Amino acid sequence: MGNTCRYVVNALGKGGETYYTQCKDKHELKKWISDNQEKLVMNELIITDKNQNPLLKLFGLKKLF
Protein backbone atom coordinates (compact mmCIF):
# COMPACT_ATOMS: atom_id res chain seq x y z
CA MET A 1 0.00 0.00 0.00
CA GLY A 2 1.61 3.25 -1.16
CA ASN A 3 1.30 6.82 -0.05
CA THR A 4 -1.67 8.47 -1.76
CA CYS A 5 -0.70 12.09 -1.03
CA ARG A 6 0.40 14.01 -4.11
CA TYR A 7 1.12 17.55 -2.86
CA VAL A 8 3.41 18.49 0.04
CA VAL A 9 2.99 21.98 1.50
CA ASN A 10 5.62 23.82 3.54
CA ALA A 11 4.51 27.21 4.77
CA LEU A 12 5.56 29.89 7.23
CA GLY A 13 2.97 31.47 9.50
CA LYS A 14 2.70 35.17 10.36
CA GLY A 15 3.61 34.42 13.98
CA GLY A 16 6.69 32.37 13.02
CA GLU A 17 4.88 29.02 12.95
CA THR A 18 5.91 26.37 10.45
CA TYR A 19 3.16 24.44 8.66
CA TYR A 20 3.69 21.09 6.95
CA THR A 21 0.82 19.20 5.38
CA GLN A 22 0.07 16.72 2.61
CA CYS A 23 -2.89 16.87 0.23
CA LYS A 24 -4.13 14.12 -2.06
CA ASP A 25 -5.46 16.33 -4.89
CA LYS A 26 -5.59 19.92 -6.12
CA HIS A 27 -9.09 20.49 -4.72
CA GLU A 28 -7.95 19.56 -1.21
CA LEU A 29 -4.84 21.73 -1.65
CA LYS A 30 -6.85 24.81 -2.63
CA LYS A 31 -9.27 24.22 0.26
CA TRP A 32 -6.42 24.00 2.79
CA ILE A 33 -4.84 27.20 1.45
CA SER A 34 -8.11 29.12 1.51
CA ASP A 35 -8.89 27.91 5.05
CA ASN A 36 -5.46 28.97 6.36
CA GLN A 37 -4.72 31.99 4.17
CA GLU A 38 -5.06 34.54 6.98
CA LYS A 39 -2.42 32.66 9.05
CA LEU A 40 0.14 32.19 6.25
CA VAL A 41 2.84 34.34 4.68
CA MET A 42 1.93 33.67 1.05
CA ASN A 43 5.42 34.57 -0.26
CA GLU A 44 6.89 31.74 1.84
CA LEU A 45 4.46 29.06 0.61
CA ILE A 46 6.23 26.11 -1.06
CA ILE A 47 4.15 23.43 -2.76
CA THR A 48 5.86 20.28 -4.05
CA ASP A 49 4.14 17.96 -6.52
CA LYS A 50 5.34 14.37 -5.97
CA ASN A 51 4.14 13.33 -9.45
CA GLN A 52 5.98 16.13 -11.24
CA ASN A 53 8.08 15.30 -14.29
CA PRO A 54 11.77 14.82 -13.31
CA LEU A 55 12.87 17.34 -15.97
CA LEU A 56 10.73 20.05 -14.39
CA LYS A 57 12.23 19.21 -10.99
CA LEU A 58 15.67 19.69 -12.51
CA PHE A 59 14.81 23.26 -13.55
CA GLY A 60 13.42 24.08 -10.09
CA LEU A 61 9.79 24.84 -10.93
CA LYS A 62 8.17 25.12 -7.49
CA LYS A 63 5.10 27.33 -7.89
CA LEU A 64 1.94 25.60 -9.09
CA PHE A 65 -0.36 28.61 -9.30
PDB file of N, CA and C in Angstrom:
ATOM      1  N   MET A   1       0.844  -1.173   0.000  1.00  0.00           N
ATOM      2  CA  MET A   1       0.000   0.000   0.000  1.00  0.00           C
ATOM      3  C   MET A   1       0.888   1.235   0.000  1.00  0.00           C
ATOM      4  N   GLY A   2       0.755   2.075  -1.016  1.00  0.00           N
ATOM      5  CA  GLY A   2       1.606   3.248  -1.163  1.00  0.00           C
ATOM      6  C   GLY A   2       0.980   4.491  -0.571  1.00  0.00           C
ATOM      7  N   ASN A   3       1.763   5.528  -0.535  1.00  0.00           N
ATOM      8  CA  ASN A   3       1.302   6.815  -0.046  1.00  0.00           C
ATOM      9  C   ASN A   3       0.441   7.465  -1.130  1.00  0.00           C
ATOM     10  N   THR A   4      -0.749   7.913  -0.784  1.00  0.00           N
ATOM     11  CA  THR A   4      -1.669   8.468  -1.763  1.00  0.00           C
ATOM     12  C   THR A   4      -1.631   9.985  -1.810  1.00  0.00           C
ATOM     13  N   CYS A   5      -0.775  10.633  -1.040  1.00  0.00           N
ATOM     14  CA  CYS A   5      -0.699  12.088  -1.034  1.00  0.00           C
ATOM     15  C   CYS A   5       0.179  12.560  -2.189  1.00  0.00           C
ATOM     16  N   ARG A   6      -0.334  13.523  -2.941  1.00  0.00           N
ATOM     17  CA  ARG A   6       0.399  14.013  -4.105  1.00  0.00           C
ATOM     18  C   ARG A   6       1.147  15.309  -3.811  1.00  0.00           C
ATOM     19  N   TYR A   7       0.533  16.243  -3.098  1.00  0.00           N
ATOM     20  CA  TYR A   7       1.124  17.550  -2.858  1.00  0.00           C
ATOM     21  C   TYR A   7       1.632  17.654  -1.426  1.00  0.00           C
ATOM     22  N   VAL A   8       2.821  18.226  -1.274  1.00  0.00           N
ATOM     23  CA  VAL A   8       3.409  18.489   0.038  1.00  0.00           C
ATOM     24  C   VAL A   8       3.519  20.002   0.171  1.00  0.00           C
ATOM     25  N   VAL A   9       3.010  20.533   1.281  1.00  0.00           N
ATOM     26  CA  VAL A   9       2.986  21.978   1.498  1.00  0.00           C
ATOM     27  C   VAL A   9       3.866  22.319   2.692  1.00  0.00           C
ATOM     28  N   ASN A  10       4.815  23.225   2.475  1.00  0.00           N
ATOM     29  CA  ASN A  10       5.621  23.816   3.541  1.00  0.00           C
ATOM     30  C   ASN A  10       5.290  25.297   3.548  1.00  0.00           C
ATOM     31  N   ALA A  11       4.903  25.812   4.704  1.00  0.00           N
ATOM     32  CA  ALA A  11       4.513  27.212   4.774  1.00  0.00           C
ATOM     33  C   ALA A  11       4.998  27.821   6.084  1.00  0.00           C
ATOM     34  N   LEU A  12       5.157  29.133   6.062  1.00  0.00           N
ATOM     35  CA  LEU A  12       5.556  29.887   7.228  1.00  0.00           C
ATOM     36  C   LEU A  12       4.374  30.733   7.665  1.00  0.00           C
ATOM     37  N   GLY A  13       4.078  30.698   8.960  1.00  0.00           N
ATOM     38  CA  GLY A  13       2.972  31.474   9.495  1.00  0.00           C
ATOM     39  C   GLY A  13       3.392  32.880   9.859  1.00  0.00           C
ATOM     40  N   LYS A  14       2.427  33.769  10.034  1.00  0.00           N
ATOM     41  CA  LYS A  14       2.701  35.167  10.365  1.00  0.00           C
ATOM     42  C   LYS A  14       3.308  35.317  11.754  1.00  0.00           C
ATOM     43  N   GLY A  15       3.040  34.374  12.639  1.00  0.00           N
ATOM     44  CA  GLY A  15       3.606  34.418  13.982  1.00  0.00           C
ATOM     45  C   GLY A  15       4.879  33.605  14.115  1.00  0.00           C
ATOM     46  N   GLY A  16       5.465  33.155  13.001  1.00  0.00           N
ATOM     47  CA  GLY A  16       6.689  32.375  13.021  1.00  0.00           C
ATOM     48  C   GLY A  16       6.451  30.875  13.040  1.00  0.00           C
ATOM     49  N   GLU A  17       5.197  30.442  12.956  1.00  0.00           N
ATOM     50  CA  GLU A  17       4.883  29.017  12.946  1.00  0.00           C
ATOM     51  C   GLU A  17       5.312  28.395  11.616  1.00  0.00           C
ATOM     52  N   THR A  18       5.589  27.119  11.659  1.00  0.00           N
ATOM     53  CA  THR A  18       5.906  26.365  10.454  1.00  0.00           C
ATOM     54  C   THR A  18       4.793  25.359  10.218  1.00  0.00           C
ATOM     55  N   TYR A  19       4.243  25.353   9.021  1.00  0.00           N
ATOM     56  CA  TYR A  19       3.159  24.443   8.663  1.00  0.00           C
ATOM     57  C   TYR A  19       3.682  23.422   7.657  1.00  0.00           C
ATOM     58  N   TYR A  20       3.354  22.172   7.868  1.00  0.00           N
ATOM     59  CA  TYR A  20       3.691  21.087   6.949  1.00  0.00           C
ATOM     60  C   TYR A  20       2.452  20.219   6.818  1.00  0.00           C
ATOM     61  N   THR A  21       1.989  20.034   5.600  1.00  0.00           N
ATOM     62  CA  THR A  21       0.819  19.198   5.382  1.00  0.00           C
ATOM     63  C   THR A  21       0.931  18.495   4.039  1.00  0.00           C
ATOM     64  N   GLN A  22       0.127  17.462   3.870  1.00  0.00           N
ATOM     65  CA  GLN A  22       0.072  16.722   2.614  1.00  0.00           C
ATOM     66  C   GLN A  22      -1.374  16.687   2.134  1.00  0.00           C
ATOM     67  N   CYS A  23      -1.557  16.866   0.833  1.00  0.00           N
ATOM     68  CA  CYS A  23      -2.890  16.868   0.232  1.00  0.00           C
ATOM     69  C   CYS A  23      -2.912  15.849  -0.901  1.00  0.00           C
ATOM     70  N   LYS A  24      -4.054  15.177  -1.049  1.00  0.00           N
ATOM     71  CA  LYS A  24      -4.128  14.116  -2.055  1.00  0.00           C
ATOM     72  C   LYS A  24      -4.477  14.617  -3.452  1.00  0.00           C
ATOM     73  N   ASP A  25      -5.136  15.791  -3.569  1.00  0.00           N
ATOM     74  CA  ASP A  25      -5.460  16.327  -4.889  1.00  0.00           C
ATOM     75  C   ASP A  25      -5.484  17.855  -4.845  1.00  0.00           C
ATOM     76  N   LYS A  26      -5.643  18.463  -6.017  1.00  0.00           N
ATOM     77  CA  LYS A  26      -5.592  19.921  -6.123  1.00  0.00           C
ATOM     78  C   LYS A  26      -6.768  20.582  -5.409  1.00  0.00           C
ATOM     79  N   HIS A  27      -7.915  19.942  -5.407  1.00  0.00           N
ATOM     80  CA  HIS A  27      -9.088  20.495  -4.721  1.00  0.00           C
ATOM     81  C   HIS A  27      -8.823  20.596  -3.219  1.00  0.00           C
ATOM     82  N   GLU A  28      -8.276  19.549  -2.637  1.00  0.00           N
ATOM     83  CA  GLU A  28      -7.953  19.555  -1.205  1.00  0.00           C
ATOM     84  C   GLU A  28      -6.864  20.591  -0.902  1.00  0.00           C
ATOM     85  N   LEU A  29      -5.899  20.748  -1.809  1.00  0.00           N
ATOM     86  CA  LEU A  29      -4.836  21.731  -1.648  1.00  0.00           C
ATOM     87  C   LEU A  29      -5.398  23.151  -1.628  1.00  0.00           C
ATOM     88  N   LYS A  30      -6.247  23.474  -2.585  1.00  0.00           N
ATOM     89  CA  LYS A  30      -6.849  24.811  -2.635  1.00  0.00           C
ATOM     90  C   LYS A  30      -7.721  25.074  -1.415  1.00  0.00           C
ATOM     91  N   LYS A  31      -8.439  24.066  -0.920  1.00  0.00           N
ATOM     92  CA  LYS A  31      -9.274  24.224   0.262  1.00  0.00           C
ATOM     93  C   LYS A  31      -8.415  24.503   1.486  1.00  0.00           C
ATOM     94  N   TRP A  32      -7.299  23.787   1.648  1.00  0.00           N
ATOM     95  CA  TRP A  32      -6.420  24.002   2.795  1.00  0.00           C
ATOM     96  C   TRP A  32      -5.826  25.408   2.761  1.00  0.00           C
ATOM     97  N   ILE A  33      -5.411  25.860   1.574  1.00  0.00           N
ATOM     98  CA  ILE A  33      -4.837  27.199   1.445  1.00  0.00           C
ATOM     99  C   ILE A  33      -5.869  28.265   1.763  1.00  0.00           C
ATOM    100  N   SER A  34      -7.081  28.117   1.246  1.00  0.00           N
ATOM    101  CA  SER A  34      -8.114  29.120   1.509  1.00  0.00           C
ATOM    102  C   SER A  34      -8.533  29.133   2.976  1.00  0.00           C
ATOM    103  N   ASP A  35      -8.542  27.971   3.633  1.00  0.00           N
ATOM    104  CA  ASP A  35      -8.895  27.907   5.054  1.00  0.00           C
ATOM    105  C   ASP A  35      -7.834  28.547   5.937  1.00  0.00           C
ATOM    106  N   ASN A  36      -6.566  28.497   5.528  1.00  0.00           N
ATOM    107  CA  ASN A  36      -5.462  28.975   6.361  1.00  0.00           C
ATOM    108  C   ASN A  36      -4.780  30.224   5.820  1.00  0.00           C
ATOM    109  N   GLN A  37      -5.361  30.863   4.837  1.00  0.00           N
ATOM    110  CA  GLN A  37      -4.717  31.987   4.166  1.00  0.00           C
ATOM    111  C   GLN A  37      -4.421  33.150   5.114  1.00  0.00           C
ATOM    112  N   GLU A  38      -5.280  33.417   6.070  1.00  0.00           N
ATOM    113  CA  GLU A  38      -5.061  34.541   6.977  1.00  0.00           C
ATOM    114  C   GLU A  38      -3.921  34.273   7.957  1.00  0.00           C
ATOM    115  N   LYS A  39      -3.518  33.023   8.141  1.00  0.00           N
ATOM    116  CA  LYS A  39      -2.423  32.660   9.050  1.00  0.00           C
ATOM    117  C   LYS A  39      -1.073  32.578   8.346  1.00  0.00           C
ATOM    118  N   LEU A  40      -1.075  32.493   7.005  1.00  0.00           N
ATOM    119  CA  LEU A  40       0.139  32.190   6.250  1.00  0.00           C
ATOM    120  C   LEU A  40       0.779  33.423   5.632  1.00  0.00           C
ATOM    121  N   VAL A  41       2.095  33.377   5.484  1.00  0.00           N
ATOM    122  CA  VAL A  41       2.838  34.341   4.680  1.00  0.00           C
ATOM    123  C   VAL A  41       2.873  33.734   3.276  1.00  0.00           C
ATOM    124  N   MET A  42       2.110  34.293   2.360  1.00  0.00           N
ATOM    125  CA  MET A  42       1.928  33.672   1.054  1.00  0.00           C
ATOM    126  C   MET A  42       3.215  33.654   0.220  1.00  0.00           C
ATOM    127  N   ASN A  43       4.150  34.575   0.471  1.00  0.00           N
ATOM    128  CA  ASN A  43       5.423  34.572  -0.259  1.00  0.00           C
ATOM    129  C   ASN A  43       6.319  33.414   0.158  1.00  0.00           C
ATOM    130  N   GLU A  44       6.075  32.835   1.317  1.00  0.00           N
ATOM    131  CA  GLU A  44       6.891  31.741   1.844  1.00  0.00           C
ATOM    132  C   GLU A  44       6.229  30.376   1.655  1.00  0.00           C
ATOM    133  N   LEU A  45       5.186  30.302   0.856  1.00  0.00           N
ATOM    134  CA  LEU A  45       4.456  29.063   0.609  1.00  0.00           C
ATOM    135  C   LEU A  45       5.181  28.240  -0.460  1.00  0.00           C
ATOM    136  N   ILE A  46       5.559  27.006  -0.112  1.00  0.00           N
ATOM    137  CA  ILE A  46       6.234  26.113  -1.056  1.00  0.00           C
ATOM    138  C   ILE A  46       5.381  24.860  -1.217  1.00  0.00           C
ATOM    139  N   ILE A  47       4.979  24.594  -2.450  1.00  0.00           N
ATOM    140  CA  ILE A  47       4.154  23.425  -2.761  1.00  0.00           C
ATOM    141  C   ILE A  47       4.967  22.516  -3.676  1.00  0.00           C
ATOM    142  N   THR A  48       5.103  21.261  -3.273  1.00  0.00           N
ATOM    143  CA  THR A  48       5.858  20.281  -4.045  1.00  0.00           C
ATOM    144  C   THR A  48       4.898  19.225  -4.578  1.00  0.00           C
ATOM    145  N   ASP A  49       4.962  18.977  -5.870  1.00  0.00           N
ATOM    146  CA  ASP A  49       4.142  17.958  -6.515  1.00  0.00           C
ATOM    147  C   ASP A  49       4.982  16.686  -6.629  1.00  0.00           C
ATOM    148  N   LYS A  50       4.583  15.621  -5.940  1.00  0.00           N
ATOM    149  CA  LYS A  50       5.343  14.374  -5.965  1.00  0.00           C
ATOM    150  C   LYS A  50       5.299  13.689  -7.326  1.00  0.00           C
ATOM    151  N   ASN A  51       4.280  13.965  -8.138  1.00  0.00           N
ATOM    152  CA  ASN A  51       4.137  13.332  -9.451  1.00  0.00           C
ATOM    153  C   ASN A  51       4.687  14.194 -10.585  1.00  0.00           C
ATOM    154  N   GLN A  52       5.444  15.214 -10.240  1.00  0.00           N
ATOM    155  CA  GLN A  52       5.976  16.128 -11.238  1.00  0.00           C
ATOM    156  C   GLN A  52       7.039  15.435 -12.097  1.00  0.00           C
ATOM    157  N   ASN A  53       7.101  15.816 -13.350  1.00  0.00           N
ATOM    158  CA  ASN A  53       8.081  15.296 -14.286  1.00  0.00           C
ATOM    159  C   ASN A  53       9.496  15.581 -13.773  1.00  0.00           C
ATOM    160  N   PRO A  54      10.398  14.608 -13.807  1.00  0.00           N
ATOM    161  CA  PRO A  54      11.765  14.818 -13.313  1.00  0.00           C
ATOM    162  C   PRO A  54      12.512  15.960 -14.011  1.00  0.00           C
ATOM    163  N   LEU A  55      12.214  16.225 -15.275  1.00  0.00           N
ATOM    164  CA  LEU A  55      12.871  17.337 -15.971  1.00  0.00           C
ATOM    165  C   LEU A  55      12.456  18.679 -15.393  1.00  0.00           C
ATOM    166  N   LEU A  56      11.184  18.808 -14.994  1.00  0.00           N
ATOM    167  CA  LEU A  56      10.734  20.053 -14.385  1.00  0.00           C
ATOM    168  C   LEU A  56      11.348  20.233 -13.002  1.00  0.00           C
ATOM    169  N   LYS A  57      11.561  19.132 -12.284  1.00  0.00           N
ATOM    170  CA  LYS A  57      12.227  19.211 -10.989  1.00  0.00           C
ATOM    171  C   LYS A  57      13.664  19.703 -11.159  1.00  0.00           C
ATOM    172  N   LEU A  58      14.299  19.295 -12.238  1.00  0.00           N
ATOM    173  CA  LEU A  58      15.673  19.693 -12.513  1.00  0.00           C
ATOM    174  C   LEU A  58      15.779  21.203 -12.691  1.00  0.00           C
ATOM    175  N   PHE A  59      14.786  21.819 -13.321  1.00  0.00           N
ATOM    176  CA  PHE A  59      14.806  23.262 -13.553  1.00  0.00           C
ATOM    177  C   PHE A  59      14.289  24.057 -12.365  1.00  0.00           C
ATOM    178  N   GLY A  60      13.788  23.399 -11.320  1.00  0.00           N
ATOM    179  CA  GLY A  60      13.415  24.079 -10.089  1.00  0.00           C
ATOM    180  C   GLY A  60      12.058  24.754 -10.123  1.00  0.00           C
ATOM    181  N   LEU A  61      11.135  24.276 -10.899  1.00  0.00           N
ATOM    182  CA  LEU A  61       9.794  24.843 -10.934  1.00  0.00           C
ATOM    183  C   LEU A  61       9.063  24.446  -9.660  1.00  0.00           C
ATOM    184  N   LYS A  62       8.770  25.416  -8.780  1.00  0.00           N
ATOM    185  CA  LYS A  62       8.167  25.117  -7.486  1.00  0.00           C
ATOM    186  C   LYS A  62       6.744  25.642  -7.366  1.00  0.00           C
ATOM    187  N   LYS A  63       6.428  26.731  -8.014  1.00  0.00           N
ATOM    188  CA  LYS A  63       5.100  27.327  -7.889  1.00  0.00           C
ATOM    189  C   LYS A  63       4.121  26.622  -8.816  1.00  0.00           C
ATOM    190  N   LEU A  64       2.959  26.262  -8.285  1.00  0.00           N
ATOM    191  CA  LEU A  64       1.935  25.596  -9.088  1.00  0.00           C
ATOM    192  C   LEU A  64       0.876  26.575  -9.583  1.00  0.00           C
ATOM    193  N   PHE A  65       0.673  27.667  -8.892  1.00  0.00           N
ATOM    194  CA  PHE A  65      -0.357  28.605  -9.296  1.00  0.00           C
ATOM    195  C   PHE A  65       0.333  29.843  -9.822  1.00  0.00           C
TER     196      PHE A  65
END
